[in-house]
Amino acid sequence: MHSTKTDAELVKHLPEPLLRILQWHHQVSKHTKDSDFIFCKLDGSPCDPNFVRDSVLYPVMDRAGIERGVPGSASA
């Protein structure tokens, strides 16, 4: 991973387990350029945010008991 002030600020706020998982993901990914997406399709193109939200994020939040909030609000 490259190192910038922005990265340092982000890392400071990430829980340690999440940081370790993201570092591992970066190490095993074939898409590791600064311009690459963290999570992408097999060809490196961006994932559809609606797909990621509906098939990944929401199910994880539901299992963890995290409320989704109201779409468009600061808590969503």
N, C-alpha and C. Protein backbone atom coordinates (compact mmCIF):
# COMPACT_ATOMS: atom_id res chain seq x y z
N MET A 1 0.84 -1.18 0.00
CA MET A 1 0.00 0.00 0.00
C MET A 1 0.89 1.24 0.00
N HIS A 2 0.44 2.27 -0.72
CA HIS A 2 1.21 3.51 -0.71
C HIS A 2 0.90 4.28 0.55
N SER A 3 1.73 5.24 0.85
CA SER A 3 1.59 5.95 2.10
C SER A 3 1.44 7.44 1.85
N THR A 4 0.30 8.00 2.22
CA THR A 4 0.07 9.43 2.13
C THR A 4 -0.57 9.88 3.43
N LYS A 5 -0.68 11.19 3.59
CA LYS A 5 -1.33 11.71 4.80
C LYS A 5 -2.76 11.21 4.86
N THR A 6 -3.45 11.17 3.72
CA THR A 6 -4.83 10.69 3.68
C THR A 6 -4.89 9.24 4.15
N ASP A 7 -3.98 8.40 3.66
CA ASP A 7 -3.94 7.00 4.08
C ASP A 7 -3.71 6.89 5.58
N ALA A 8 -2.79 7.69 6.09
CA ALA A 8 -2.47 7.64 7.52
C ALA A 8 -3.69 8.02 8.35
N GLU A 9 -4.41 9.03 7.91
CA GLU A 9 -5.62 9.44 8.64
C GLU A 9 -6.67 8.34 8.60
N LEU A 10 -6.83 7.70 7.45
CA LEU A 10 -7.81 6.61 7.32
C LEU A 10 -7.43 5.43 8.20
N VAL A 11 -6.18 5.02 8.14
CA VAL A 11 -5.71 3.88 8.92
C VAL A 11 -5.90 4.12 10.41
N LYS A 12 -5.70 5.36 10.85
CA LYS A 12 -5.85 5.68 12.26
C LYS A 12 -7.26 5.38 12.76
N HIS A 13 -8.25 5.44 11.89
CA HIS A 13 -9.64 5.26 12.28
C HIS A 13 -10.19 3.87 11.97
N LEU A 14 -9.39 3.00 11.38
CA LEU A 14 -9.85 1.65 11.06
C LEU A 14 -9.60 0.72 12.25
N PRO A 15 -10.59 -0.12 12.56
CA PRO A 15 -10.33 -1.14 13.59
C PRO A 15 -9.21 -2.07 13.11
N GLU A 16 -8.37 -2.50 14.03
CA GLU A 16 -7.22 -3.34 13.69
C GLU A 16 -7.59 -4.58 12.87
N PRO A 17 -8.66 -5.32 13.23
CA PRO A 17 -9.01 -6.50 12.42
C PRO A 17 -9.34 -6.13 10.97
N LEU A 18 -10.05 -5.02 10.76
CA LEU A 18 -10.38 -4.59 9.40
C LEU A 18 -9.12 -4.20 8.64
N LEU A 19 -8.22 -3.49 9.30
CA LEU A 19 -6.97 -3.10 8.66
C LEU A 19 -6.18 -4.33 8.21
N ARG A 20 -6.08 -5.34 9.07
CA ARG A 20 -5.35 -6.57 8.71
C ARG A 20 -6.00 -7.27 7.52
N ILE A 21 -7.32 -7.32 7.49
CA ILE A 21 -8.02 -7.96 6.38
C ILE A 21 -7.77 -7.20 5.08
N LEU A 22 -7.83 -5.87 5.13
CA LEU A 22 -7.59 -5.07 3.93
C LEU A 22 -6.14 -5.21 3.45
N GLN A 23 -5.20 -5.28 4.37
CA GLN A 23 -3.80 -5.48 3.99
C GLN A 23 -3.62 -6.84 3.33
N TRP A 24 -4.24 -7.87 3.89
CA TRP A 24 -4.15 -9.20 3.29
C TRP A 24 -4.78 -9.18 1.90
N HIS A 25 -5.95 -8.57 1.78
CA HIS A 25 -6.63 -8.50 0.48
C HIS A 25 -5.73 -7.81 -0.55
N HIS A 26 -5.05 -6.76 -0.15
CA HIS A 26 -4.15 -6.05 -1.06
C HIS A 26 -3.00 -6.95 -1.49
N GLN A 27 -2.47 -7.74 -0.57
CA GLN A 27 -1.34 -8.62 -0.88
C GLN A 27 -1.72 -9.72 -1.87
N VAL A 28 -2.92 -10.25 -1.78
CA VAL A 28 -3.31 -11.37 -2.64
C VAL A 28 -4.00 -10.91 -3.92
N SER A 29 -4.30 -9.63 -4.04
CA SER A 29 -5.00 -9.12 -5.22
C SER A 29 -4.03 -8.96 -6.38
N LYS A 30 -4.54 -9.18 -7.58
CA LYS A 30 -3.71 -8.89 -8.76
C LYS A 30 -3.88 -7.45 -9.20
N HIS A 31 -4.76 -6.70 -8.51
CA HIS A 31 -5.01 -5.30 -8.82
C HIS A 31 -4.46 -4.46 -7.67
N THR A 32 -3.19 -4.06 -7.76
CA THR A 32 -2.53 -3.39 -6.63
C THR A 32 -1.99 -1.99 -6.96
N LYS A 33 -2.31 -1.47 -8.14
CA LYS A 33 -1.87 -0.11 -8.45
C LYS A 33 -2.69 0.88 -7.63
N ASP A 34 -2.14 2.06 -7.39
CA ASP A 34 -2.85 3.09 -6.64
C ASP A 34 -4.21 3.41 -7.25
N SER A 35 -4.32 3.30 -8.57
CA SER A 35 -5.57 3.64 -9.25
C SER A 35 -6.58 2.49 -9.25
N ASP A 36 -6.18 1.31 -8.79
CA ASP A 36 -7.09 0.16 -8.77
C ASP A 36 -8.09 0.27 -7.63
N PHE A 37 -9.22 -0.37 -7.82
CA PHE A 37 -10.24 -0.42 -6.79
C PHE A 37 -9.88 -1.48 -5.76
N ILE A 38 -10.29 -1.27 -4.52
CA ILE A 38 -10.04 -2.28 -3.49
C ILE A 38 -10.84 -3.53 -3.79
N PHE A 39 -12.11 -3.34 -4.08
CA PHE A 39 -12.97 -4.47 -4.45
C PHE A 39 -13.49 -4.19 -5.85
N CYS A 40 -13.23 -5.13 -6.75
CA CYS A 40 -13.57 -4.92 -8.15
C CYS A 40 -14.00 -6.24 -8.79
N LYS A 41 -14.43 -6.13 -10.04
CA LYS A 41 -14.75 -7.32 -10.83
C LYS A 41 -13.43 -8.02 -11.18
N LEU A 42 -13.52 -9.22 -11.69
CA LEU A 42 -12.32 -9.99 -12.03
C LEU A 42 -11.41 -9.26 -13.01
N ASP A 43 -11.99 -8.44 -13.88
CA ASP A 43 -11.18 -7.71 -14.85
C ASP A 43 -10.63 -6.40 -14.32
N GLY A 44 -10.91 -6.07 -13.05
CA GLY A 44 -10.40 -4.85 -12.43
C GLY A 44 -11.34 -3.67 -12.54
N SER A 45 -12.43 -3.82 -13.28
CA SER A 45 -13.38 -2.72 -13.40
C SER A 45 -14.21 -2.60 -12.12
N PRO A 46 -14.79 -1.41 -11.90
CA PRO A 46 -15.52 -1.20 -10.64
C PRO A 46 -16.77 -2.06 -10.54
N CYS A 47 -17.09 -2.44 -9.32
CA CYS A 47 -18.33 -3.16 -9.06
C CYS A 47 -19.49 -2.16 -9.08
N ASP A 48 -20.65 -2.65 -9.41
CA ASP A 48 -21.86 -1.83 -9.35
C ASP A 48 -22.17 -1.58 -7.87
N PRO A 49 -22.20 -0.32 -7.43
CA PRO A 49 -22.42 -0.05 -6.00
C PRO A 49 -23.75 -0.60 -5.49
N ASN A 50 -24.77 -0.63 -6.32
CA ASN A 50 -26.05 -1.20 -5.89
C ASN A 50 -25.91 -2.70 -5.62
N PHE A 51 -25.15 -3.40 -6.46
CA PHE A 51 -24.92 -4.82 -6.26
C PHE A 51 -24.16 -5.07 -4.97
N VAL A 52 -23.10 -4.31 -4.75
CA VAL A 52 -22.29 -4.48 -3.53
C VAL A 52 -23.13 -4.19 -2.30
N ARG A 53 -23.89 -3.12 -2.34
CA ARG A 53 -24.73 -2.75 -1.19
C ARG A 53 -25.77 -3.84 -0.91
N ASP A 54 -26.48 -4.27 -1.96
CA ASP A 54 -27.59 -5.21 -1.77
C ASP A 54 -27.14 -6.63 -1.50
N SER A 55 -26.03 -7.06 -2.09
CA SER A 55 -25.63 -8.46 -1.95
C SER A 55 -24.53 -8.69 -0.92
N VAL A 56 -23.84 -7.62 -0.50
CA VAL A 56 -22.75 -7.77 0.46
C VAL A 56 -23.00 -6.95 1.73
N LEU A 57 -23.07 -5.64 1.57
CA LEU A 57 -23.14 -4.75 2.73
C LEU A 57 -24.40 -4.98 3.57
N TYR A 58 -25.57 -4.95 2.95
CA TYR A 58 -26.81 -5.10 3.72
C TYR A 58 -26.91 -6.45 4.42
N PRO A 59 -26.58 -7.56 3.75
CA PRO A 59 -26.65 -8.84 4.47
C PRO A 59 -25.70 -8.90 5.67
N VAL A 60 -24.50 -8.32 5.56
CA VAL A 60 -23.57 -8.31 6.68
C VAL A 60 -24.11 -7.45 7.81
N MET A 61 -24.64 -6.28 7.46
CA MET A 61 -25.23 -5.41 8.48
C MET A 61 -26.39 -6.10 9.18
N ASP A 62 -27.24 -6.79 8.42
CA ASP A 62 -28.38 -7.51 9.01
C ASP A 62 -27.90 -8.57 9.99
N ARG A 63 -26.91 -9.36 9.58
CA ARG A 63 -26.40 -10.42 10.47
C ARG A 63 -25.75 -9.85 11.72
N ALA A 64 -25.15 -8.67 11.60
CA ALA A 64 -24.48 -8.05 12.75
C ALA A 64 -25.45 -7.23 13.61
N GLY A 65 -26.70 -7.11 13.15
CA GLY A 65 -27.68 -6.35 13.90
C GLY A 65 -27.50 -4.85 13.80
N ILE A 66 -26.87 -4.38 12.72
CA ILE A 66 -26.64 -2.95 12.51
C ILE A 66 -27.80 -2.38 11.69
N GLU A 67 -28.43 -1.34 12.22
CA GLU A 67 -29.54 -0.70 11.51
C GLU A 67 -29.00 0.01 10.28
N ARG A 68 -29.78 -0.06 9.21
CA ARG A 68 -29.36 0.56 7.94
C ARG A 68 -29.57 2.06 7.93
N GLY A 69 -30.48 2.60 8.68
CA GLY A 69 -30.77 4.01 8.65
C GLY A 69 -31.67 4.36 7.47
N VAL A 70 -31.94 5.61 7.32
CA VAL A 70 -32.82 6.10 6.26
C VAL A 70 -31.96 6.52 5.07
N PRO A 71 -32.24 5.98 3.86
CA PRO A 71 -31.44 6.37 2.69
C PRO A 71 -31.43 7.88 2.51
N GLY A 72 -30.24 8.42 2.24
CA GLY A 72 -30.08 9.84 2.02
C GLY A 72 -29.83 10.65 3.27
N SER A 73 -29.97 10.01 4.45
CA SER A 73 -29.71 10.74 5.69
C SER A 73 -28.26 10.55 6.09
N ALA A 74 -27.79 11.32 7.02
CA ALA A 74 -26.39 11.23 7.47
C ALA A 74 -26.10 9.90 8.13
N SER A 75 -27.11 9.20 8.64
CA SER A 75 -26.88 7.93 9.32
C SER A 75 -26.99 6.73 8.40
N ALA A 76 -27.34 6.95 7.14
CA ALA A 76 -27.49 5.83 6.20
C ALA A 76 -26.19 5.43 5.59
